[in-house]
Amino acid sequence: MRISALTRALLASTLLFAAGAQAGTLHIAASEVPHAQLLEFVKPQLKKEGVDLDIKVFSDYVQPNLQVADKQLDANFFQHQPYLDTFNKDRGATLVSVGAIHVEPFGAYSKKVKAVGDLKQGATVAIPNDPSNSGRALLLLQKNGLIKLKDPSNITATPIDITDNPKGLKFRELEAAMLPRSLDDVDLALINTNYALEAGLVPTKDALFIEGSDSPYANLIVTRTDNRDSPDVKKLVEALHTPEVKAFIEKQYKGAIVPAF
């Protein structure tokens, strides 16, 4: 039986479409360190499973969520649950977590003092300006005896919630990504670990004080509600929840970040 040229073309198109469907592309936003590094580590494994991971690196905490919500991207990897909750509330979004990957213990850094006790009266302290990380910074300052808050467990506390400030600390609220650059201008800066690592700081060595591994601020894979059951998203979370990833985290970051699975 002879096959016409049109039939051959149709068969070829069908085969190409099927091949494309099997090898899907997952577009994901991530902070450069350590999130994109972890994604690069699992990328070859995902490729074997038919998922081509397209990693978009962002330096801010807003665009990754906006672009997932607007369906420009499939998922993101940069934030913890309190930040996600605040974003959803403020923006009327419904983004969801599909897996906790690691904890980045939040730390306090200084180029001007070697210990907390060396902070002078009226010292300037830089903290993140987004609600969830601002509260996280203030809770860590409270834990180390520098301030007291009206509600000692309020994860969205701001400087106006401080009830006791014996050193008269002055607070400067900055974009999280700008905090490492502020170290020359302030006495103390509370910095998210991903930005500390990008700036060449070693949290376990350079931080004056740091959260413990019991921190509730695990970093998450986040997507839309209509995408939470996507096979590709599930494969991504499974790839990140392996003994190989745990060993990579422990070897690569030496306690600066810790597995949350």
C-alpha atoms as a PDB file:
ATOM      1  CA  MET A   1       0.000   0.000   0.000  1.00  0.00           C
ATOM      2  CA  ARG A   2       1.343   3.396  -0.987  1.00  0.00           C
ATOM      3  CA  ILE A   3       1.138   6.289   1.502  1.00  0.00           C
ATOM      4  CA  SER A   4       0.480   9.732   0.098  1.00  0.00           C
ATOM      5  CA  ALA A   5       2.766  12.666   0.846  1.00  0.00           C
ATOM      6  CA  LEU A   6      -0.058  14.334   2.808  1.00  0.00           C
ATOM      7  CA  THR A   7      -0.539  11.244   4.993  1.00  0.00           C
ATOM      8  CA  ARG A   8       3.198  11.034   5.666  1.00  0.00           C
ATOM      9  CA  ALA A   9       3.236  14.704   6.687  1.00  0.00           C
ATOM     10  CA  LEU A  10       0.296  14.187   9.037  1.00  0.00           C
ATOM     11  CA  LEU A  11       1.958  11.162  10.643  1.00  0.00           C
ATOM     12  CA  ALA A  12       5.192  13.088  11.106  1.00  0.00           C
ATOM     13  CA  SER A  13       3.340  16.006  12.721  1.00  0.00           C
ATOM     14  CA  THR A  14       1.552  13.623  15.084  1.00  0.00           C
ATOM     15  CA  LEU A  15       4.830  12.001  16.143  1.00  0.00           C
ATOM     16  CA  LEU A  16       6.468  15.384  16.719  1.00  0.00           C
ATOM     17  CA  PHE A  17       3.510  16.572  18.797  1.00  0.00           C
ATOM     18  CA  ALA A  18       3.623  13.407  20.922  1.00  0.00           C
ATOM     19  CA  ALA A  19       7.360  13.801  21.488  1.00  0.00           C
ATOM     20  CA  GLY A  20       6.842  17.415  22.510  1.00  0.00           C
ATOM     21  CA  ALA A  21       4.068  16.455  24.938  1.00  0.00           C
ATOM     22  CA  GLN A  22       6.330  13.908  26.625  1.00  0.00           C
ATOM     23  CA  ALA A  23       9.193  16.372  27.053  1.00  0.00           C
ATOM     24  CA  GLY A  24       7.433  19.275  28.752  1.00  0.00           C
ATOM     25  CA  THR A  25       9.084  22.529  29.804  1.00  0.00           C
ATOM     26  CA  LEU A  26       8.605  23.839  33.330  1.00  0.00           C
ATOM     27  CA  HIS A  27       9.280  27.577  33.598  1.00  0.00           C
ATOM     28  CA  ILE A  28      10.328  28.498  37.147  1.00  0.00           C
ATOM     29  CA  ALA A  29      11.528  31.702  38.818  1.00  0.00           C
ATOM     30  CA  ALA A  30      14.205  31.534  41.513  1.00  0.00           C
ATOM     31  CA  SER A  31      16.597  33.633  43.546  1.00  0.00           C
ATOM     32  CA  GLU A  32      20.167  33.082  42.369  1.00  0.00           C
ATOM     33  CA  VAL A  33      21.585  31.600  45.592  1.00  0.00           C
ATOM     34  CA  PRO A  34      20.844  28.950  46.698  1.00  0.00           C
ATOM     35  CA  HIS A  35      17.530  28.381  44.888  1.00  0.00           C
ATOM     36  CA  ALA A  36      18.718  28.445  41.275  1.00  0.00           C
ATOM     37  CA  GLN A  37      21.755  26.384  42.279  1.00  0.00           C
ATOM     38  CA  LEU A  38      19.529  23.671  43.736  1.00  0.00           C
ATOM     39  CA  LEU A  39      17.373  23.705  40.603  1.00  0.00           C
ATOM     40  CA  GLU A  40      20.455  23.381  38.397  1.00  0.00           C
ATOM     41  CA  PHE A  41      21.513  20.390  40.499  1.00  0.00           C
ATOM     42  CA  VAL A  42      18.263  18.498  39.803  1.00  0.00           C
ATOM     43  CA  LYS A  43      17.906  19.675  36.199  1.00  0.00           C
ATOM     44  CA  PRO A  44      19.711  16.663  34.627  1.00  0.00           C
ATOM     45  CA  GLN A  45      17.566  14.201  36.586  1.00  0.00           C
ATOM     46  CA  LEU A  46      14.377  15.978  35.554  1.00  0.00           C
ATOM     47  CA  LYS A  47      15.524  15.934  31.934  1.00  0.00           C
ATOM     48  CA  LYS A  48      15.703  12.135  32.138  1.00  0.00           C
ATOM     49  CA  GLU A  49      12.105  12.160  33.391  1.00  0.00           C
ATOM     50  CA  GLY A  50      10.903  14.269  30.464  1.00  0.00           C
ATOM     51  CA  VAL A  51      10.877  17.655  32.188  1.00  0.00           C
ATOM     52  CA  ASP A  52      12.980  20.459  30.713  1.00  0.00           C
ATOM     53  CA  LEU A  53      13.541  22.936  33.561  1.00  0.00           C
ATOM     54  CA  ASP A  54      13.724  26.556  32.384  1.00  0.00           C
ATOM     55  CA  ILE A  55      15.145  28.598  35.294  1.00  0.00           C
ATOM     56  CA  LYS A  56      14.592  32.366  35.375  1.00  0.00           C
ATOM     57  CA  VAL A  57      16.739  34.164  37.986  1.00  0.00           C
ATOM     58  CA  PHE A  58      15.225  37.169  39.797  1.00  0.00           C
ATOM     59  CA  SER A  59      16.793  39.535  42.314  1.00  0.00           C
ATOM     60  CA  ASP A  60      13.543  40.751  43.896  1.00  0.00           C
ATOM     61  CA  TYR A  61      10.704  39.155  45.872  1.00  0.00           C
ATOM     62  CA  VAL A  62       7.711  40.573  43.958  1.00  0.00           C
ATOM     63  CA  GLN A  63       8.029  39.757  40.256  1.00  0.00           C
ATOM     64  CA  PRO A  64       8.389  35.974  40.745  1.00  0.00           C
ATOM     65  CA  ASN A  65       4.951  35.819  42.385  1.00  0.00           C
ATOM     66  CA  LEU A  66       3.328  38.268  39.968  1.00  0.00           C
ATOM     67  CA  GLN A  67       4.561  36.333  36.955  1.00  0.00           C
ATOM     68  CA  VAL A  68       3.349  33.007  38.327  1.00  0.00           C
ATOM     69  CA  ALA A  69      -0.040  34.525  39.174  1.00  0.00           C
ATOM     70  CA  ASP A  70      -0.249  35.993  35.639  1.00  0.00           C
ATOM     71  CA  LYS A  71       0.639  32.589  34.105  1.00  0.00           C
ATOM     72  CA  GLN A  72       3.866  33.909  32.592  1.00  0.00           C
ATOM     73  CA  LEU A  73       5.709  31.307  34.669  1.00  0.00           C
ATOM     74  CA  ASP A  74       4.663  27.940  36.088  1.00  0.00           C
ATOM     75  CA  ALA A  75       6.197  28.102  39.564  1.00  0.00           C
ATOM     76  CA  ASN A  76       8.769  29.856  41.733  1.00  0.00           C
ATOM     77  CA  PHE A  77      11.283  29.034  44.439  1.00  0.00           C
ATOM     78  CA  PHE A  78      12.428  31.851  46.732  1.00  0.00           C
ATOM     79  CA  GLN A  79       9.985  32.450  49.609  1.00  0.00           C
ATOM     80  CA  HIS A  80       8.679  31.125  52.920  1.00  0.00           C
ATOM     81  CA  GLN A  81       5.059  30.698  54.026  1.00  0.00           C
ATOM     82  CA  PRO A  82       4.681  33.972  55.983  1.00  0.00           C
ATOM     83  CA  TYR A  83       5.836  35.940  52.934  1.00  0.00           C
ATOM     84  CA  LEU A  84       3.508  33.970  50.656  1.00  0.00           C
ATOM     85  CA  ASP A  85       0.573  34.550  53.017  1.00  0.00           C
ATOM     86  CA  THR A  86       1.265  38.289  53.075  1.00  0.00           C
ATOM     87  CA  PHE A  87       1.571  38.467  49.279  1.00  0.00           C
ATOM     88  CA  ASN A  88      -1.698  36.584  48.751  1.00  0.00           C
ATOM     89  CA  LYS A  89      -3.508  38.841  51.218  1.00  0.00           C
ATOM     90  CA  ASP A  90      -2.112  42.098  49.809  1.00  0.00           C
ATOM     91  CA  ARG A  91      -2.517  41.184  46.138  1.00  0.00           C
ATOM     92  CA  GLY A  92      -5.689  39.096  46.280  1.00  0.00           C
ATOM     93  CA  ALA A  93      -3.731  36.145  44.897  1.00  0.00           C
ATOM     94  CA  THR A  94      -4.223  32.433  45.553  1.00  0.00           C
ATOM     95  CA  LEU A  95      -0.710  31.046  45.117  1.00  0.00           C
ATOM     96  CA  VAL A  96       0.014  27.826  47.007  1.00  0.00           C
ATOM     97  CA  SER A  97       2.984  25.895  48.342  1.00  0.00           C
ATOM     98  CA  VAL A  98       3.540  22.401  46.986  1.00  0.00           C
ATOM     99  CA  GLY A  99       6.643  21.521  48.986  1.00  0.00           C
ATOM    100  CA  ALA A 100       9.132  22.802  51.573  1.00  0.00           C
ATOM    101  CA  ILE A 101      12.748  22.416  50.463  1.00  0.00           C
ATOM    102  CA  HIS A 102      15.165  24.122  52.850  1.00  0.00           C
ATOM    103  CA  VAL A 103      15.545  26.638  55.663  1.00  0.00           C
ATOM    104  CA  GLU A 104      17.843  29.644  55.354  1.00  0.00           C
ATOM    105  CA  PRO A 105      18.625  30.699  58.935  1.00  0.00           C
ATOM    106  CA  PHE A 106      18.242  34.501  59.076  1.00  0.00           C
ATOM    107  CA  GLY A 107      21.304  36.339  60.414  1.00  0.00           C
ATOM    108  CA  ALA A 108      22.598  39.656  61.761  1.00  0.00           C
ATOM    109  CA  TYR A 109      25.806  41.064  60.259  1.00  0.00           C
ATOM    110  CA  SER A 110      28.095  43.988  60.950  1.00  0.00           C
ATOM    111  CA  LYS A 111      31.329  45.514  59.686  1.00  0.00           C
ATOM    112  CA  LYS A 112      31.552  47.809  62.711  1.00  0.00           C
ATOM    113  CA  VAL A 113      31.157  45.593  65.768  1.00  0.00           C
ATOM    114  CA  LYS A 114      32.337  42.092  66.651  1.00  0.00           C
ATOM    115  CA  ALA A 115      29.629  41.271  69.193  1.00  0.00           C
ATOM    116  CA  VAL A 116      26.115  42.359  70.110  1.00  0.00           C
ATOM    117  CA  GLY A 117      27.358  43.913  73.339  1.00  0.00           C
ATOM    118  CA  ASP A 118      29.539  46.318  71.326  1.00  0.00           C
ATOM    119  CA  LEU A 119      26.538  48.060  69.739  1.00  0.00           C
ATOM    120  CA  LYS A 120      26.527  51.680  70.868  1.00  0.00           C
ATOM    121  CA  GLN A 121      23.582  53.718  72.096  1.00  0.00           C
ATOM    122  CA  GLY A 122      21.574  54.918  69.122  1.00  0.00           C
ATOM    123  CA  ALA A 123      23.129  52.405  66.707  1.00  0.00           C
ATOM    124  CA  THR A 124      21.490  52.106  63.276  1.00  0.00           C
ATOM    125  CA  VAL A 125      20.002  48.724  62.352  1.00  0.00           C
ATOM    126  CA  ALA A 126      18.899  47.853  58.817  1.00  0.00           C
ATOM    127  CA  ILE A 127      16.022  45.408  58.380  1.00  0.00           C
ATOM    128  CA  PRO A 128      13.967  44.209  55.370  1.00  0.00           C
ATOM    129  CA  ASN A 129      11.043  46.440  54.446  1.00  0.00           C
ATOM    130  CA  ASP A 130       8.548  43.692  53.541  1.00  0.00           C
ATOM    131  CA  PRO A 131       6.162  42.763  56.403  1.00  0.00           C
ATOM    132  CA  SER A 132       7.038  39.101  56.886  1.00  0.00           C
ATOM    133  CA  ASN A 133      10.815  39.553  56.827  1.00  0.00           C
ATOM    134  CA  SER A 134      10.621  42.747  58.882  1.00  0.00           C
ATOM    135  CA  GLY A 135       8.811  40.826  61.603  1.00  0.00           C
ATOM    136  CA  ARG A 136      11.274  37.973  61.325  1.00  0.00           C
ATOM    137  CA  ALA A 137      14.184  40.388  61.833  1.00  0.00           C
ATOM    138  CA  LEU A 138      12.566  42.024  64.854  1.00  0.00           C
ATOM    139  CA  LEU A 139      11.797  38.641  66.434  1.00  0.00           C
ATOM    140  CA  LEU A 140      15.455  37.692  66.072  1.00  0.00           C
ATOM    141  CA  LEU A 141      16.542  40.991  67.657  1.00  0.00           C
ATOM    142  CA  GLN A 142      14.117  40.319  70.500  1.00  0.00           C
ATOM    143  CA  LYS A 143      15.455  36.784  70.964  1.00  0.00           C
ATOM    144  CA  ASN A 144      18.936  38.260  71.382  1.00  0.00           C
ATOM    145  CA  GLY A 145      17.821  40.775  74.025  1.00  0.00           C
ATOM    146  CA  LEU A 146      18.063  43.967  71.995  1.00  0.00           C
ATOM    147  CA  ILE A 147      14.365  44.911  71.938  1.00  0.00           C
ATOM    148  CA  LYS A 148      10.959  43.820  73.212  1.00  0.00           C
ATOM    149  CA  LEU A 149       7.798  43.679  71.092  1.00  0.00           C
ATOM    150  CA  LYS A 150       4.187  44.354  72.054  1.00  0.00           C
ATOM    151  CA  ASP A 151       3.344  40.831  70.867  1.00  0.00           C
ATOM    152  CA  PRO A 152       6.474  38.687  71.203  1.00  0.00           C
ATOM    153  CA  SER A 153       5.199  36.194  68.605  1.00  0.00           C
ATOM    154  CA  ASN A 154       3.963  38.625  65.917  1.00  0.00           C
ATOM    155  CA  ILE A 155       5.643  37.532  62.671  1.00  0.00           C
ATOM    156  CA  THR A 156       4.540  40.733  60.902  1.00  0.00           C
ATOM    157  CA  ALA A 157       5.761  43.142  63.574  1.00  0.00           C
ATOM    158  CA  THR A 158       7.215  46.503  62.510  1.00  0.00           C
ATOM    159  CA  PRO A 159       9.363  48.991  64.440  1.00  0.00           C
ATOM    160  CA  ILE A 160       6.210  50.718  65.772  1.00  0.00           C
ATOM    161  CA  ASP A 161       5.454  47.498  67.685  1.00  0.00           C
ATOM    162  CA  ILE A 162       8.624  47.823  69.784  1.00  0.00           C
ATOM    163  CA  THR A 163       7.809  48.503  73.445  1.00  0.00           C
ATOM    164  CA  ASP A 164      11.324  48.408  74.901  1.00  0.00           C
ATOM    165  CA  ASN A 165      14.470  49.588  73.115  1.00  0.00           C
ATOM    166  CA  PRO A 166      17.149  50.040  75.805  1.00  0.00           C
ATOM    167  CA  LYS A 167      19.931  50.941  73.339  1.00  0.00           C
ATOM    168  CA  GLY A 168      17.706  53.394  71.461  1.00  0.00           C
ATOM    169  CA  LEU A 169      18.331  51.540  68.213  1.00  0.00           C
ATOM    170  CA  LYS A 170      17.379  53.412  65.047  1.00  0.00           C
ATOM    171  CA  PHE A 171      15.833  51.319  62.286  1.00  0.00           C
ATOM    172  CA  ARG A 172      16.326  51.693  58.563  1.00  0.00           C
ATOM    173  CA  GLU A 173      13.941  49.622  56.425  1.00  0.00           C
ATOM    174  CA  LEU A 174      15.375  48.622  53.035  1.00  0.00           C
ATOM    175  CA  GLU A 175      14.635  46.290  50.141  1.00  0.00           C
ATOM    176  CA  ALA A 176      15.933  42.860  51.162  1.00  0.00           C
ATOM    177  CA  ALA A 177      18.350  42.724  48.215  1.00  0.00           C
ATOM    178  CA  MET A 178      19.946  46.031  49.292  1.00  0.00           C
ATOM    179  CA  LEU A 179      20.794  44.943  52.834  1.00  0.00           C
ATOM    180  CA  PRO A 180      24.304  43.539  52.163  1.00  0.00           C
ATOM    181  CA  ARG A 181      25.237  46.836  50.489  1.00  0.00           C
ATOM    182  CA  SER A 182      24.116  48.746  53.568  1.00  0.00           C
ATOM    183  CA  LEU A 183      26.780  47.208  55.820  1.00  0.00           C
ATOM    184  CA  ASP A 184      29.179  50.119  55.273  1.00  0.00           C
ATOM    185  CA  ASP A 185      26.516  52.616  56.352  1.00  0.00           C
ATOM    186  CA  VAL A 186      24.797  50.937  59.314  1.00  0.00           C
ATOM    187  CA  ASP A 187      25.924  49.313  62.542  1.00  0.00           C
ATOM    188  CA  LEU A 188      23.957  46.113  62.067  1.00  0.00           C
ATOM    189  CA  ALA A 189      21.964  44.573  59.208  1.00  0.00           C
ATOM    190  CA  LEU A 190      19.518  41.670  59.347  1.00  0.00           C
ATOM    191  CA  ILE A 191      19.990  39.831  56.049  1.00  0.00           C
ATOM    192  CA  ASN A 192      18.197  36.952  54.341  1.00  0.00           C
ATOM    193  CA  THR A 193      20.651  34.116  53.811  1.00  0.00           C
ATOM    194  CA  ASN A 194      20.254  33.993  50.018  1.00  0.00           C
ATOM    195  CA  TYR A 195      21.396  37.624  49.774  1.00  0.00           C
ATOM    196  CA  ALA A 196      24.138  37.058  52.351  1.00  0.00           C
ATOM    197  CA  LEU A 197      25.495  34.166  50.271  1.00  0.00           C
ATOM    198  CA  GLU A 198      25.329  36.228  47.068  1.00  0.00           C
ATOM    199  CA  ALA A 199      27.393  38.927  48.819  1.00  0.00           C
ATOM    200  CA  GLY A 200      30.082  36.421  49.788  1.00  0.00           C
ATOM    201  CA  LEU A 201      29.130  36.259  53.458  1.00  0.00           C
ATOM    202  CA  VAL A 202      29.332  32.926  55.291  1.00  0.00           C
ATOM    203  CA  PRO A 203      26.338  32.900  57.668  1.00  0.00           C
ATOM    204  CA  THR A 204      27.742  30.300  60.063  1.00  0.00           C
ATOM    205  CA  LYS A 205      30.980  32.298  60.384  1.00  0.00           C
ATOM    206  CA  ASP A 206      30.163  35.949  59.687  1.00  0.00           C
ATOM    207  CA  ALA A 207      26.801  36.408  61.432  1.00  0.00           C
ATOM    208  CA  LEU A 208      26.883  37.923  64.929  1.00  0.00           C
ATOM    209  CA  PHE A 209      23.792  35.848  65.656  1.00  0.00           C
ATOM    210  CA  ILE A 210      21.576  33.639  63.539  1.00  0.00           C
ATOM    211  CA  GLU A 211      18.348  31.646  63.686  1.00  0.00           C
ATOM    212  CA  GLY A 212      18.553  28.020  64.708  1.00  0.00           C
ATOM    213  CA  SER A 213      17.695  25.085  62.455  1.00  0.00           C
ATOM    214  CA  ASP A 214      14.248  25.019  64.117  1.00  0.00           C
ATOM    215  CA  SER A 215      13.234  28.128  62.145  1.00  0.00           C
ATOM    216  CA  PRO A 216       9.670  27.847  60.760  1.00  0.00           C
ATOM    217  CA  TYR A 217      10.636  29.794  57.640  1.00  0.00           C
ATOM    218  CA  ALA A 218      11.165  26.944  55.165  1.00  0.00           C
ATOM    219  CA  ASN A 219      11.617  27.962  51.522  1.00  0.00           C
ATOM    220  CA  LEU A 220       8.920  26.619  49.232  1.00  0.00           C
ATOM    221  CA  ILE A 221       8.086  25.604  45.691  1.00  0.00           C
ATOM    222  CA  VAL A 222       5.061  27.785  44.900  1.00  0.00           C
ATOM    223  CA  THR A 223       2.575  27.612  42.040  1.00  0.00           C
ATOM    224  CA  ARG A 224      -1.036  28.448  41.173  1.00  0.00           C
ATOM    225  CA  THR A 225      -3.973  26.439  42.459  1.00  0.00           C
ATOM    226  CA  ASP A 226      -4.771  25.320  38.900  1.00  0.00           C
ATOM    227  CA  ASN A 227      -1.215  23.993  38.534  1.00  0.00           C
ATOM    228  CA  ARG A 228      -0.648  22.332  41.907  1.00  0.00           C
ATOM    229  CA  ASP A 229      -1.400  18.829  40.567  1.00  0.00           C
ATOM    230  CA  SER A 230       0.698  19.222  37.434  1.00  0.00           C
ATOM    231  CA  PRO A 231       2.814  16.077  36.835  1.00  0.00           C
ATOM    232  CA  ASP A 232       5.849  18.253  36.034  1.00  0.00           C
ATOM    233  CA  VAL A 233       5.508  20.228  39.276  1.00  0.00           C
ATOM    234  CA  LYS A 234       5.181  16.985  41.234  1.00  0.00           C
ATOM    235  CA  LYS A 235       8.313  15.602  39.553  1.00  0.00           C
ATOM    236  CA  LEU A 236      10.195  18.791  40.503  1.00  0.00           C
ATOM    237  CA  VAL A 237       9.266  18.504  44.186  1.00  0.00           C
ATOM    238  CA  GLU A 238      10.124  14.795  44.208  1.00  0.00           C
ATOM    239  CA  ALA A 239      13.516  15.540  42.617  1.00  0.00           C
ATOM    240  CA  LEU A 240      14.268  18.137  45.301  1.00  0.00           C
ATOM    241  CA  HIS A 241      13.201  15.752  48.106  1.00  0.00           C
ATOM    242  CA  THR A 242      15.940  13.172  47.565  1.00  0.00           C
ATOM    243  CA  PRO A 243      18.917  12.008  49.652  1.00  0.00           C
ATOM    244  CA  GLU A 244      21.164  13.337  46.860  1.00  0.00           C
ATOM    245  CA  VAL A 245      19.808  16.871  47.283  1.00  0.00           C
ATOM    246  CA  LYS A 246      20.094  16.651  51.057  1.00  0.00           C
ATOM    247  CA  ALA A 247      23.747  15.597  50.731  1.00  0.00           C
ATOM    248  CA  PHE A 248      24.392  18.407  48.224  1.00  0.00           C
ATOM    249  CA  ILE A 249      22.896  21.003  50.587  1.00  0.00           C
ATOM    250  CA  GLU A 250      24.957  19.780  53.529  1.00  0.00           C
ATOM    251  CA  LYS A 251      28.205  19.652  51.541  1.00  0.00           C
ATOM    252  CA  GLN A 252      27.760  22.806  49.466  1.00  0.00           C
ATOM    253  CA  TYR A 253      26.437  25.214  52.114  1.00  0.00           C
ATOM    254  CA  LYS A 254      27.990  23.822  55.315  1.00  0.00           C
ATOM    255  CA  GLY A 255      25.096  24.782  57.594  1.00  0.00           C
ATOM    256  CA  ALA A 256      24.277  28.102  55.907  1.00  0.00           C
ATOM    257  CA  ILE A 257      21.097  26.427  54.731  1.00  0.00           C
ATOM    258  CA  VAL A 258      19.554  23.208  56.067  1.00  0.00           C
ATOM    259  CA  PRO A 259      17.176  20.678  54.450  1.00  0.00           C
ATOM    260  CA  ALA A 260      13.502  20.961  55.417  1.00  0.00           C
ATOM    261  CA  PHE A 261      12.564  17.426  54.359  1.00  0.00           C
END
